[in-house]
Amino acid sequence: MPLYKTITVNPTTNVLIWKIEEPFEVLSEGISLTDHCANRVAGMKSDLHQRGFMSVRHLLKKMGYTDFDLYYDEKGKPHLKDGKKISITHSFTFSAIIVSDIEVGIDIEMQRPKILKIAPKFTPIEEYRTLANEEALIRKLTMVWGAKESLYKSFAEKGVAFLKNIYVEDFDMEDLETTAQVEFQHKKQEYQVWFMEFEGFTCAYALLHS
């Protein structure tokens, strides 16, 4: 089974990444789903989405959980029944989870030129025009998007706008970390954010400052 990477962020926070190589039938072996999730998977039209969904259940299993330990609130945010915090992501051939004692968020994105077109919707792109070339710009914007997506998942309030309410402090791409804030309706939260890049993908994960 291709557990791709495990990161211990701190003694109570772990990131697990899965490279989705197996067919759906193999990923289904040894995994029990709630009736709700079984129906969700059956209704997915994309084989890759089905495989991504099941790979996340294998990541849960690696952390000692099953699908029955996971539930979603009315905002669509995942929770674990033992009170631990969790965030989930999958993109094309990778999936990941982060589990912690405090609020967290995680996102994986493929590095694609498409991000140049949507960038003005989530960040002041002129801040990055000094980068050496288009490849560097795509990398940086993908990191910023991943960071904002991670905070959006953690904050989990309807109406939060990436451009207006989530700010990512500028950072050197070689440092692979930064800080970020969400400010919305008189509520402000600050996060530490880390990045990883692998096989044309970017993973960003965020941890709420205590």
N, C-alpha and C. Protein backbone atom coordinates (compact mmCIF):
# COMPACT_ATOMS: atom_id res chain seq x y z
N MET A 1 0.84 -1.19 0.00
CA MET A 1 0.00 0.00 0.00
C MET A 1 0.88 1.25 0.00
N PRO A 2 0.65 2.18 -0.90
CA PRO A 2 1.58 3.31 -1.04
C PRO A 2 1.31 4.48 -0.11
N LEU A 3 1.60 4.29 1.19
CA LEU A 3 1.66 5.44 2.08
C LEU A 3 2.89 6.22 1.63
N TYR A 4 2.66 7.41 1.12
CA TYR A 4 3.72 8.15 0.44
C TYR A 4 4.63 8.88 1.42
N LYS A 5 4.04 9.48 2.44
CA LYS A 5 4.85 10.25 3.38
C LYS A 5 4.10 10.43 4.69
N THR A 6 4.84 10.41 5.78
CA THR A 6 4.30 10.70 7.10
C THR A 6 5.15 11.79 7.72
N ILE A 7 4.50 12.83 8.24
CA ILE A 7 5.21 13.93 8.87
C ILE A 7 4.69 14.12 10.28
N THR A 8 5.59 14.13 11.24
CA THR A 8 5.23 14.47 12.62
C THR A 8 5.49 15.95 12.81
N VAL A 9 4.42 16.74 12.80
CA VAL A 9 4.55 18.20 12.92
C VAL A 9 4.94 18.56 14.35
N ASN A 10 4.30 17.92 15.30
CA ASN A 10 4.64 18.04 16.72
C ASN A 10 4.13 16.76 17.39
N PRO A 11 4.33 16.59 18.69
CA PRO A 11 3.95 15.33 19.32
C PRO A 11 2.48 14.94 19.18
N THR A 12 1.58 15.91 18.89
CA THR A 12 0.16 15.57 18.79
C THR A 12 -0.42 15.89 17.41
N THR A 13 0.44 16.13 16.42
CA THR A 13 -0.03 16.49 15.08
C THR A 13 0.72 15.69 14.03
N ASN A 14 -0.04 14.98 13.19
CA ASN A 14 0.56 14.15 12.15
C ASN A 14 -0.09 14.38 10.80
N VAL A 15 0.74 14.40 9.76
CA VAL A 15 0.28 14.48 8.37
C VAL A 15 0.61 13.16 7.69
N LEU A 16 -0.38 12.60 6.99
CA LEU A 16 -0.16 11.37 6.22
C LEU A 16 -0.60 11.62 4.78
N ILE A 17 0.25 11.22 3.83
CA ILE A 17 -0.03 11.41 2.41
C ILE A 17 -0.01 10.05 1.71
N TRP A 18 -1.00 9.86 0.84
CA TRP A 18 -1.16 8.60 0.09
C TRP A 18 -1.02 8.87 -1.40
N LYS A 19 -0.25 8.07 -2.08
CA LYS A 19 -0.19 8.12 -3.54
C LYS A 19 -1.17 7.09 -4.08
N ILE A 20 -2.17 7.56 -4.82
CA ILE A 20 -3.28 6.70 -5.25
C ILE A 20 -2.90 5.96 -6.52
N GLU A 21 -2.46 4.73 -6.36
CA GLU A 21 -2.03 3.91 -7.50
C GLU A 21 -2.92 2.68 -7.70
N GLU A 22 -3.60 2.26 -6.64
CA GLU A 22 -4.37 1.01 -6.71
C GLU A 22 -5.72 1.22 -7.37
N PRO A 23 -6.27 0.17 -7.97
CA PRO A 23 -7.65 0.25 -8.46
C PRO A 23 -8.63 0.30 -7.28
N PHE A 24 -9.84 0.72 -7.56
CA PHE A 24 -10.86 0.88 -6.53
C PHE A 24 -11.08 -0.42 -5.75
N GLU A 25 -11.08 -1.55 -6.47
CA GLU A 25 -11.35 -2.83 -5.82
C GLU A 25 -10.30 -3.15 -4.75
N VAL A 26 -9.05 -2.84 -5.04
CA VAL A 26 -7.98 -3.09 -4.07
C VAL A 26 -8.10 -2.14 -2.88
N LEU A 27 -8.41 -0.89 -3.16
CA LEU A 27 -8.56 0.08 -2.09
C LEU A 27 -9.76 -0.22 -1.20
N SER A 28 -10.72 -0.96 -1.72
CA SER A 28 -11.91 -1.30 -0.94
C SER A 28 -11.67 -2.45 0.02
N GLU A 29 -10.61 -3.21 -0.20
CA GLU A 29 -10.34 -4.38 0.64
C GLU A 29 -9.99 -3.96 2.07
N GLY A 30 -10.67 -4.59 3.03
CA GLY A 30 -10.38 -4.32 4.44
C GLY A 30 -10.93 -3.01 4.97
N ILE A 31 -11.78 -2.33 4.18
CA ILE A 31 -12.34 -1.05 4.59
C ILE A 31 -13.86 -1.17 4.72
N SER A 32 -14.38 -0.84 5.89
CA SER A 32 -15.82 -0.83 6.11
C SER A 32 -16.31 0.62 6.10
N LEU A 33 -17.42 0.85 5.42
CA LEU A 33 -17.98 2.20 5.31
C LEU A 33 -19.34 2.27 5.98
N THR A 34 -19.68 3.45 6.48
CA THR A 34 -21.04 3.67 6.94
C THR A 34 -21.97 3.59 5.72
N ASP A 35 -23.24 3.38 5.97
CA ASP A 35 -24.19 3.32 4.85
C ASP A 35 -24.17 4.63 4.06
N HIS A 36 -24.07 5.74 4.77
CA HIS A 36 -24.04 7.04 4.10
C HIS A 36 -22.85 7.15 3.16
N CYS A 37 -21.67 6.76 3.64
CA CYS A 37 -20.46 6.87 2.81
C CYS A 37 -20.46 5.84 1.68
N ALA A 38 -21.00 4.66 1.94
CA ALA A 38 -21.11 3.66 0.88
C ALA A 38 -21.97 4.19 -0.26
N ASN A 39 -23.05 4.88 0.09
CA ASN A 39 -23.92 5.48 -0.93
C ASN A 39 -23.22 6.62 -1.65
N ARG A 40 -22.43 7.40 -0.90
CA ARG A 40 -21.67 8.48 -1.52
C ARG A 40 -20.71 7.94 -2.58
N VAL A 41 -19.97 6.92 -2.21
CA VAL A 41 -18.99 6.34 -3.16
C VAL A 41 -19.69 5.77 -4.37
N ALA A 42 -20.78 5.07 -4.14
CA ALA A 42 -21.52 4.46 -5.25
C ALA A 42 -22.04 5.51 -6.22
N GLY A 43 -22.32 6.71 -5.71
CA GLY A 43 -22.87 7.78 -6.54
C GLY A 43 -21.82 8.61 -7.26
N MET A 44 -20.55 8.36 -6.96
CA MET A 44 -19.48 9.12 -7.62
C MET A 44 -19.28 8.64 -9.05
N LYS A 45 -19.28 9.59 -9.98
CA LYS A 45 -19.14 9.23 -11.40
C LYS A 45 -17.68 9.04 -11.81
N SER A 46 -16.77 9.60 -11.05
CA SER A 46 -15.36 9.53 -11.39
C SER A 46 -14.66 8.41 -10.62
N ASP A 47 -13.98 7.55 -11.34
CA ASP A 47 -13.21 6.48 -10.70
C ASP A 47 -12.13 7.07 -9.80
N LEU A 48 -11.51 8.17 -10.24
CA LEU A 48 -10.45 8.78 -9.45
C LEU A 48 -11.00 9.35 -8.14
N HIS A 49 -12.22 9.90 -8.18
CA HIS A 49 -12.83 10.39 -6.94
C HIS A 49 -13.13 9.23 -5.99
N GLN A 50 -13.61 8.13 -6.55
CA GLN A 50 -13.88 6.95 -5.72
C GLN A 50 -12.60 6.45 -5.05
N ARG A 51 -11.54 6.38 -5.84
CA ARG A 51 -10.26 5.90 -5.32
C ARG A 51 -9.69 6.87 -4.29
N GLY A 52 -9.86 8.18 -4.54
CA GLY A 52 -9.41 9.17 -3.58
C GLY A 52 -10.13 9.03 -2.25
N PHE A 53 -11.44 8.83 -2.33
CA PHE A 53 -12.26 8.66 -1.14
C PHE A 53 -11.79 7.45 -0.33
N MET A 54 -11.55 6.34 -1.01
CA MET A 54 -11.14 5.13 -0.31
C MET A 54 -9.72 5.24 0.23
N SER A 55 -8.84 5.95 -0.49
CA SER A 55 -7.46 6.11 0.01
C SER A 55 -7.46 6.89 1.33
N VAL A 56 -8.37 7.83 1.47
CA VAL A 56 -8.47 8.57 2.73
C VAL A 56 -8.84 7.63 3.87
N ARG A 57 -9.68 6.64 3.59
CA ARG A 57 -10.05 5.66 4.63
C ARG A 57 -8.85 4.82 5.04
N HIS A 58 -7.93 4.58 4.11
CA HIS A 58 -6.70 3.88 4.47
C HIS A 58 -5.81 4.76 5.34
N LEU A 59 -5.78 6.05 5.06
CA LEU A 59 -5.01 6.97 5.91
C LEU A 59 -5.61 7.02 7.32
N LEU A 60 -6.93 7.04 7.40
CA LEU A 60 -7.58 6.99 8.71
C LEU A 60 -7.17 5.72 9.46
N LYS A 61 -7.15 4.62 8.73
CA LYS A 61 -6.80 3.33 9.32
C LYS A 61 -5.37 3.37 9.87
N LYS A 62 -4.48 4.02 9.15
CA LYS A 62 -3.09 4.14 9.61
C LYS A 62 -3.01 4.90 10.94
N MET A 63 -3.98 5.78 11.17
CA MET A 63 -4.02 6.55 12.41
C MET A 63 -4.89 5.89 13.49
N GLY A 64 -5.39 4.70 13.18
CA GLY A 64 -6.17 3.96 14.16
C GLY A 64 -7.66 4.25 14.14
N TYR A 65 -8.13 4.86 13.05
CA TYR A 65 -9.55 5.21 12.93
C TYR A 65 -10.22 4.41 11.81
N THR A 66 -11.55 4.42 11.83
CA THR A 66 -12.33 3.84 10.75
C THR A 66 -13.29 4.91 10.23
N ASP A 67 -13.99 4.60 9.18
CA ASP A 67 -14.98 5.52 8.63
C ASP A 67 -16.06 5.85 9.66
N PHE A 68 -16.29 4.94 10.59
CA PHE A 68 -17.32 5.13 11.61
C PHE A 68 -16.90 6.13 12.69
N ASP A 69 -15.61 6.47 12.72
CA ASP A 69 -15.11 7.46 13.67
C ASP A 69 -15.19 8.89 13.12
N LEU A 70 -15.54 9.00 11.85
CA LEU A 70 -15.53 10.29 11.16
C LEU A 70 -16.96 10.77 10.94
N TYR A 71 -17.19 12.07 11.19
CA TYR A 71 -18.49 12.64 10.86
C TYR A 71 -18.31 14.09 10.40
N TYR A 72 -19.32 14.63 9.76
CA TYR A 72 -19.27 15.99 9.23
C TYR A 72 -20.36 16.83 9.87
N ASP A 73 -20.02 18.09 10.18
CA ASP A 73 -21.02 18.98 10.75
C ASP A 73 -21.84 19.65 9.65
N GLU A 74 -22.74 20.56 10.06
CA GLU A 74 -23.64 21.19 9.10
C GLU A 74 -22.91 22.09 8.10
N LYS A 75 -21.69 22.46 8.42
CA LYS A 75 -20.88 23.29 7.51
C LYS A 75 -20.03 22.45 6.58
N GLY A 76 -20.10 21.13 6.73
CA GLY A 76 -19.32 20.24 5.88
C GLY A 76 -17.91 19.98 6.39
N LYS A 77 -17.65 20.40 7.62
CA LYS A 77 -16.32 20.22 8.19
C LYS A 77 -16.22 18.85 8.86
N PRO A 78 -15.14 18.09 8.59
CA PRO A 78 -14.99 16.76 9.20
C PRO A 78 -14.54 16.85 10.65
N HIS A 79 -14.97 15.87 11.44
CA HIS A 79 -14.58 15.76 12.85
C HIS A 79 -14.36 14.29 13.18
N LEU A 80 -13.59 14.05 14.23
CA LEU A 80 -13.40 12.71 14.76
C LEU A 80 -14.15 12.59 16.08
N LYS A 81 -14.75 11.46 16.32
CA LYS A 81 -15.61 11.30 17.49
C LYS A 81 -14.85 11.36 18.81
N ASP A 82 -13.52 11.13 18.77
CA ASP A 82 -12.75 11.20 20.01
C ASP A 82 -12.31 12.62 20.35
N GLY A 83 -12.73 13.60 19.53
CA GLY A 83 -12.41 14.99 19.81
C GLY A 83 -11.18 15.52 19.11
N LYS A 84 -10.40 14.65 18.51
CA LYS A 84 -9.23 15.10 17.74
C LYS A 84 -9.71 15.90 16.53
N LYS A 85 -8.88 16.84 16.09
CA LYS A 85 -9.18 17.66 14.92
C LYS A 85 -8.62 17.00 13.68
N ILE A 86 -9.35 17.11 12.56
CA ILE A 86 -8.91 16.48 11.32
C ILE A 86 -9.24 17.36 10.13
N SER A 87 -8.39 17.30 9.13
CA SER A 87 -8.68 17.92 7.83
C SER A 87 -8.26 16.92 6.76
N ILE A 88 -8.96 16.97 5.63
CA ILE A 88 -8.82 15.96 4.58
C ILE A 88 -8.69 16.64 3.22
N THR A 89 -7.88 16.06 2.34
CA THR A 89 -7.77 16.59 0.99
C THR A 89 -7.42 15.47 0.02
N HIS A 90 -7.87 15.61 -1.23
CA HIS A 90 -7.30 14.76 -2.29
C HIS A 90 -7.39 15.49 -3.61
N SER A 91 -6.35 15.28 -4.42
CA SER A 91 -6.23 15.94 -5.71
C SER A 91 -5.57 14.97 -6.68
N PHE A 92 -6.32 14.56 -7.68
CA PHE A 92 -5.81 13.65 -8.71
C PHE A 92 -5.25 12.38 -8.06
N THR A 93 -3.93 12.21 -8.03
CA THR A 93 -3.35 10.94 -7.58
C THR A 93 -2.77 11.01 -6.17
N PHE A 94 -3.12 12.04 -5.41
CA PHE A 94 -2.66 12.12 -4.03
C PHE A 94 -3.82 12.47 -3.10
N SER A 95 -3.75 11.92 -1.89
CA SER A 95 -4.69 12.31 -0.84
C SER A 95 -3.89 12.49 0.44
N ALA A 96 -4.48 13.21 1.40
CA ALA A 96 -3.78 13.45 2.66
C ALA A 96 -4.76 13.77 3.76
N ILE A 97 -4.32 13.50 4.99
CA ILE A 97 -5.06 13.94 6.18
C ILE A 97 -4.07 14.56 7.16
N ILE A 98 -4.57 15.43 8.01
CA ILE A 98 -3.81 15.93 9.15
C ILE A 98 -4.70 15.75 10.37
N VAL A 99 -4.11 15.20 11.43
CA VAL A 99 -4.84 14.93 12.67
C VAL A 99 -4.07 15.58 13.81
N SER A 100 -4.80 16.28 14.69
CA SER A 100 -4.13 17.03 15.76
C SER A 100 -5.06 17.24 16.95
N ASP A 101 -4.47 17.73 18.04
CA ASP A 101 -5.26 18.13 19.19
C ASP A 101 -5.85 19.53 19.01
N ILE A 102 -5.30 20.32 18.08
CA ILE A 102 -5.79 21.67 17.85
C ILE A 102 -6.23 21.83 16.40
N GLU A 103 -6.89 22.95 16.11
CA GLU A 103 -7.47 23.16 14.78
C GLU A 103 -6.41 23.12 13.68
N VAL A 104 -6.76 22.46 12.59
CA VAL A 104 -5.82 22.26 11.49
C VAL A 104 -6.56 22.36 10.15
N GLY A 105 -5.78 22.49 9.09
CA GLY A 105 -6.32 22.44 7.74
C GLY A 105 -5.24 21.91 6.80
N ILE A 106 -5.65 21.26 5.72
CA ILE A 106 -4.69 20.73 4.76
C ILE A 106 -5.26 20.80 3.36
N ASP A 107 -4.37 20.97 2.38
CA ASP A 107 -4.79 21.02 0.98
C ASP A 107 -3.66 20.52 0.09
N ILE A 108 -4.02 19.78 -0.94
CA ILE A 108 -3.07 19.38 -1.98
C ILE A 108 -3.57 19.92 -3.30
N GLU A 109 -2.67 20.51 -4.08
CA GLU A 109 -3.00 21.04 -5.39
C GLU A 109 -1.96 20.62 -6.42
N MET A 110 -2.41 20.34 -7.62
CA MET A 110 -1.48 20.13 -8.72
C MET A 110 -1.00 21.50 -9.21
N GLN A 111 0.28 21.60 -9.49
CA GLN A 111 0.84 22.85 -10.01
C GLN A 111 0.49 22.95 -11.49
N ARG A 112 -0.40 23.91 -11.82
CA ARG A 112 -0.89 24.03 -13.20
C ARG A 112 -0.93 25.49 -13.64
N PRO A 113 -0.69 25.76 -14.92
CA PRO A 113 -0.77 27.14 -15.43
C PRO A 113 -2.13 27.78 -15.22
N LYS A 114 -3.17 26.96 -15.08
CA LYS A 114 -4.53 27.46 -14.87
C LYS A 114 -4.60 28.45 -13.71
N ILE A 115 -3.71 28.30 -12.73
CA ILE A 115 -3.77 29.15 -11.54
C ILE A 115 -3.47 30.60 -11.87
N LEU A 116 -2.76 30.85 -12.98
CA LEU A 116 -2.46 32.23 -13.38
C LEU A 116 -3.74 32.99 -13.71
N LYS A 117 -4.72 32.29 -14.25
CA LYS A 117 -5.98 32.93 -14.64
C LYS A 117 -6.87 33.25 -13.44
N ILE A 118 -6.84 32.37 -12.44
CA ILE A 118 -7.74 32.57 -11.30
C ILE A 118 -7.08 33.34 -10.16
N ALA A 119 -5.78 33.56 -10.25
CA ALA A 119 -5.04 34.20 -9.15
C ALA A 119 -5.66 35.51 -8.66
N PRO A 120 -6.10 36.42 -9.55
CA PRO A 120 -6.67 37.68 -9.05
C PRO A 120 -7.89 37.51 -8.16
N LYS A 121 -8.51 36.34 -8.20
CA LYS A 121 -9.69 36.08 -7.37
C LYS A 121 -9.32 35.73 -5.93
N PHE A 122 -8.04 35.36 -5.69
CA PHE A 122 -7.69 34.95 -4.33
C PHE A 122 -6.47 35.66 -3.76
N THR A 123 -5.71 36.41 -4.57
CA THR A 123 -4.54 37.10 -4.03
C THR A 123 -4.16 38.28 -4.92
N PRO A 124 -3.55 39.32 -4.36
CA PRO A 124 -3.06 40.42 -5.19
C PRO A 124 -1.84 39.96 -5.99
N ILE A 125 -2.06 39.52 -7.22
CA ILE A 125 -1.01 38.86 -8.00
C ILE A 125 0.18 39.78 -8.27
N GLU A 126 -0.03 41.09 -8.24
CA GLU A 126 1.09 41.99 -8.52
C GLU A 126 2.21 41.84 -7.50
N GLU A 127 1.90 41.29 -6.33
CA GLU A 127 2.92 41.07 -5.31
C GLU A 127 3.99 40.07 -5.76
N TYR A 128 3.63 39.25 -6.73
CA TYR A 128 4.54 38.16 -7.13
C TYR A 128 5.17 38.37 -8.50
N ARG A 129 4.97 39.52 -9.09
CA ARG A 129 5.47 39.76 -10.44
C ARG A 129 7.00 39.83 -10.51
N THR A 130 7.65 39.93 -9.36
CA THR A 130 9.11 40.00 -9.35
C THR A 130 9.76 38.61 -9.48
N LEU A 131 8.95 37.58 -9.44
CA LEU A 131 9.52 36.23 -9.55
C LEU A 131 10.16 36.02 -10.91
N ALA A 132 11.17 35.16 -10.92
CA ALA A 132 12.05 35.05 -12.08
C ALA A 132 11.36 34.61 -13.36
N ASN A 133 10.41 33.70 -13.26
CA ASN A 133 9.80 33.16 -14.48
C ASN A 133 8.40 32.63 -14.17
N GLU A 134 7.72 32.19 -15.21
CA GLU A 134 6.33 31.72 -15.05
C GLU A 134 6.26 30.48 -14.18
N GLU A 135 7.23 29.60 -14.30
CA GLU A 135 7.23 28.38 -13.49
C GLU A 135 7.28 28.73 -11.99
N ALA A 136 8.13 29.70 -11.65
CA ALA A 136 8.22 30.13 -10.25
C ALA A 136 6.92 30.77 -9.79
N LEU A 137 6.29 31.53 -10.68
CA LEU A 137 5.02 32.18 -10.35
C LEU A 137 3.94 31.14 -10.10
N ILE A 138 3.89 30.12 -10.92
CA ILE A 138 2.91 29.04 -10.74
C ILE A 138 3.14 28.34 -9.40
N ARG A 139 4.39 28.06 -9.09
CA ARG A 139 4.72 27.42 -7.81
C ARG A 139 4.25 28.27 -6.64
N LYS A 140 4.58 29.56 -6.67
CA LYS A 140 4.26 30.45 -5.55
C LYS A 140 2.75 30.61 -5.39
N LEU A 141 2.06 30.81 -6.49
CA LEU A 141 0.61 30.98 -6.42
C LEU A 141 -0.08 29.71 -5.93
N THR A 142 0.45 28.55 -6.32
CA THR A 142 -0.13 27.29 -5.85
C THR A 142 0.06 27.15 -4.34
N MET A 143 1.20 27.58 -3.85
CA MET A 143 1.44 27.57 -2.40
C MET A 143 0.46 28.49 -1.68
N VAL A 144 0.29 29.69 -2.20
CA VAL A 144 -0.62 30.66 -1.57
C VAL A 144 -2.06 30.13 -1.58
N TRP A 145 -2.47 29.59 -2.73
CA TRP A 145 -3.82 29.01 -2.81
C TRP A 145 -3.99 27.87 -1.80
N GLY A 146 -3.01 26.98 -1.72
CA GLY A 146 -3.08 25.87 -0.78
C GLY A 146 -3.16 26.34 0.66
N ALA A 147 -2.38 27.38 0.98
CA ALA A 147 -2.42 27.92 2.34
C ALA A 147 -3.81 28.48 2.64
N LYS A 148 -4.36 29.23 1.71
CA LYS A 148 -5.68 29.83 1.93
C LYS A 148 -6.76 28.76 2.00
N GLU A 149 -6.64 27.75 1.18
CA GLU A 149 -7.62 26.65 1.22
C GLU A 149 -7.55 25.94 2.57
N SER A 150 -6.35 25.75 3.08
CA SER A 150 -6.19 25.09 4.38
C SER A 150 -6.86 25.89 5.50
N LEU A 151 -6.65 27.22 5.47
CA LEU A 151 -7.26 28.07 6.49
C LEU A 151 -8.77 28.11 6.34
N TYR A 152 -9.23 28.14 5.11
CA TYR A 152 -10.68 28.15 4.84
C TYR A 152 -11.34 26.89 5.42
N LYS A 153 -10.68 25.75 5.25
CA LYS A 153 -11.23 24.49 5.78
C LYS A 153 -11.25 24.50 7.30
N SER A 154 -10.20 25.04 7.90
CA SER A 154 -10.12 25.06 9.36
C SER A 154 -11.11 26.05 9.96
N PHE A 155 -11.17 27.24 9.42
CA PHE A 155 -12.03 28.30 9.94
C PHE A 155 -13.51 27.93 9.76
N ALA A 156 -13.84 27.41 8.59
CA ALA A 156 -15.15 26.80 8.33
C ALA A 156 -16.34 27.69 8.65
N GLU A 157 -16.32 28.91 8.12
CA GLU A 157 -17.46 29.80 8.26
C GLU A 157 -17.92 30.24 6.87
N LYS A 158 -19.22 30.11 6.60
CA LYS A 158 -19.75 30.52 5.31
C LYS A 158 -19.60 32.03 5.13
N GLY A 159 -19.21 32.42 3.94
CA GLY A 159 -19.04 33.83 3.65
C GLY A 159 -17.60 34.30 3.65
N VAL A 160 -16.68 33.46 4.13
CA VAL A 160 -15.27 33.83 4.13
C VAL A 160 -14.77 33.89 2.68
N ALA A 161 -14.14 35.00 2.31
CA ALA A 161 -13.62 35.20 0.96
C ALA A 161 -12.10 35.10 0.97
N PHE A 162 -11.56 34.32 0.04
CA PHE A 162 -10.11 34.14 -0.02
C PHE A 162 -9.37 35.46 -0.17
N LEU A 163 -9.89 36.34 -1.01
CA LEU A 163 -9.20 37.59 -1.30
C LEU A 163 -9.34 38.60 -0.17
N LYS A 164 -10.51 38.67 0.43
CA LYS A 164 -10.80 39.70 1.42
C LYS A 164 -10.47 39.30 2.85
N ASN A 165 -10.71 38.04 3.20
CA ASN A 165 -10.66 37.63 4.60
C ASN A 165 -9.46 36.77 5.00
N ILE A 166 -8.71 36.24 4.04
CA ILE A 166 -7.58 35.38 4.36
C ILE A 166 -6.29 36.01 3.82
N TYR A 167 -5.33 36.23 4.72
CA TYR A 167 -4.07 36.86 4.34
C TYR A 167 -2.91 35.92 4.64
N VAL A 168 -2.07 35.71 3.64
CA VAL A 168 -0.87 34.88 3.78
C VAL A 168 0.35 35.79 3.75
N GLU A 169 1.13 35.76 4.82
CA GLU A 169 2.36 36.55 4.87
C GLU A 169 3.30 36.08 3.75
N ASP A 170 3.95 37.05 3.10
CA ASP A 170 4.88 36.68 2.04
C ASP A 170 6.02 35.84 2.61
N PHE A 171 6.56 34.98 1.77
CA PHE A 171 7.57 34.02 2.23
C PHE A 171 8.52 33.67 1.09
N ASP A 172 9.68 33.23 1.46
CA ASP A 172 10.64 32.70 0.50
C ASP A 172 10.26 31.24 0.21
N MET A 173 10.14 30.91 -1.05
CA MET A 173 9.69 29.55 -1.40
C MET A 173 10.63 28.48 -0.87
N GLU A 174 11.89 28.82 -0.67
CA GLU A 174 12.83 27.82 -0.17
C GLU A 174 12.65 27.56 1.32
N ASP A 175 12.00 28.49 2.02
CA ASP A 175 11.77 28.29 3.46
C ASP A 175 10.64 27.29 3.72
N LEU A 176 9.68 27.22 2.79
CA LEU A 176 8.57 26.26 2.87
C LEU A 176 7.71 26.43 4.13
N GLU A 177 7.61 27.66 4.62
CA GLU A 177 6.68 27.92 5.72
C GLU A 177 6.38 29.41 5.78
N THR A 178 5.25 29.72 6.42
CA THR A 178 4.85 31.11 6.59
C THR A 178 3.81 31.18 7.70
N THR A 179 3.27 32.37 7.91
CA THR A 179 2.14 32.54 8.81
C THR A 179 0.97 33.10 8.00
N ALA A 180 -0.22 32.96 8.52
CA ALA A 180 -1.41 33.42 7.80
C ALA A 180 -2.51 33.72 8.80
N GLN A 181 -3.47 34.54 8.36
CA GLN A 181 -4.57 34.93 9.24
C GLN A 181 -5.90 34.87 8.50
N VAL A 182 -6.93 34.58 9.27
CA VAL A 182 -8.31 34.72 8.78
C VAL A 182 -8.98 35.76 9.68
N GLU A 183 -9.60 36.75 9.07
CA GLU A 183 -10.32 37.76 9.82
C GLU A 183 -11.70 37.90 9.20
N PHE A 184 -12.73 37.60 10.00
CA PHE A 184 -14.10 37.56 9.47
C PHE A 184 -15.09 37.82 10.59
N GLN A 185 -15.92 38.82 10.40
CA GLN A 185 -16.99 39.15 11.35
C GLN A 185 -16.48 39.24 12.79
N HIS A 186 -15.48 40.08 13.01
CA HIS A 186 -14.91 40.36 14.33
C HIS A 186 -14.21 39.14 14.95
N LYS A 187 -13.95 38.13 14.16
CA LYS A 187 -13.21 36.97 14.64
C LYS A 187 -11.90 36.87 13.86
N LYS A 188 -10.80 36.71 14.58
CA LYS A 188 -9.50 36.61 13.93
C LYS A 188 -8.75 35.40 14.45
N GLN A 189 -8.21 34.61 13.51
CA GLN A 189 -7.40 33.45 13.89
C GLN A 189 -6.08 33.49 13.12
N GLU A 190 -5.00 33.12 13.81
CA GLU A 190 -3.68 33.11 13.20
C GLU A 190 -3.17 31.68 13.13
N TYR A 191 -2.46 31.39 12.05
CA TYR A 191 -2.00 30.03 11.78
C TYR A 191 -0.52 30.02 11.38
N GLN A 192 0.12 28.92 11.66
CA GLN A 192 1.42 28.61 11.07
C GLN A 192 1.16 27.67 9.90
N VAL A 193 1.81 27.93 8.77
CA VAL A 193 1.58 27.13 7.56
C VAL A 193 2.91 26.56 7.07
N TRP A 194 2.88 25.30 6.66
CA TRP A 194 4.04 24.64 6.07
C TRP A 194 3.68 24.13 4.68
N PHE A 195 4.70 23.97 3.84
CA PHE A 195 4.51 23.49 2.47
C PHE A 195 5.42 22.32 2.17
N MET A 196 4.95 21.48 1.25
CA MET A 196 5.77 20.44 0.64
C MET A 196 5.50 20.44 -0.86
N GLU A 197 6.50 20.13 -1.64
CA GLU A 197 6.32 19.99 -3.08
C GLU A 197 6.84 18.62 -3.50
N PHE A 198 6.06 17.93 -4.32
CA PHE A 198 6.46 16.59 -4.77
C PHE A 198 5.71 16.23 -6.05
N GLU A 199 6.44 15.73 -7.00
CA GLU A 199 5.87 15.18 -8.24
C GLU A 199 4.88 16.13 -8.92
N GLY A 200 5.20 17.43 -8.89
CA GLY A 200 4.32 18.41 -9.54
C GLY A 200 3.11 18.82 -8.71
N PHE A 201 3.09 18.46 -7.44
CA PHE A 201 2.01 18.83 -6.53
C PHE A 201 2.56 19.67 -5.38
N THR A 202 1.67 20.43 -4.77
CA THR A 202 2.00 21.21 -3.57
C THR A 202 1.02 20.83 -2.47
N CYS A 203 1.57 20.54 -1.30
CA CYS A 203 0.74 20.29 -0.12
C CYS A 203 0.99 21.42 0.87
N ALA A 204 -0.08 22.02 1.36
CA ALA A 204 -0.01 23.04 2.41
C ALA A 204 -0.80 22.55 3.60
N TYR A 205 -0.22 22.70 4.80
CA TYR A 205 -0.99 22.35 6.00
C TYR A 205 -0.79 23.44 7.05
N ALA A 206 -1.86 23.71 7.78
CA ALA A 206 -1.89 24.84 8.70
C ALA A 206 -2.30 24.38 10.09
N LEU A 207 -1.71 25.04 11.07
CA LEU A 207 -1.97 24.72 12.48
C LEU A 207 -2.31 26.04 13.19
N LEU A 208 -3.43 26.04 13.89
CA LEU A 208 -3.87 27.24 14.59
C LEU A 208 -2.90 27.60 15.70
N HIS A 209 -2.52 28.89 15.76
CA HIS A 209 -1.69 29.36 16.87
C HIS A 209 -2.50 29.30 18.16
N SER A 210 -1.92 28.72 19.18
CA SER A 210 -2.63 28.63 20.46
C SER A 210 -2.54 29.95 21.22
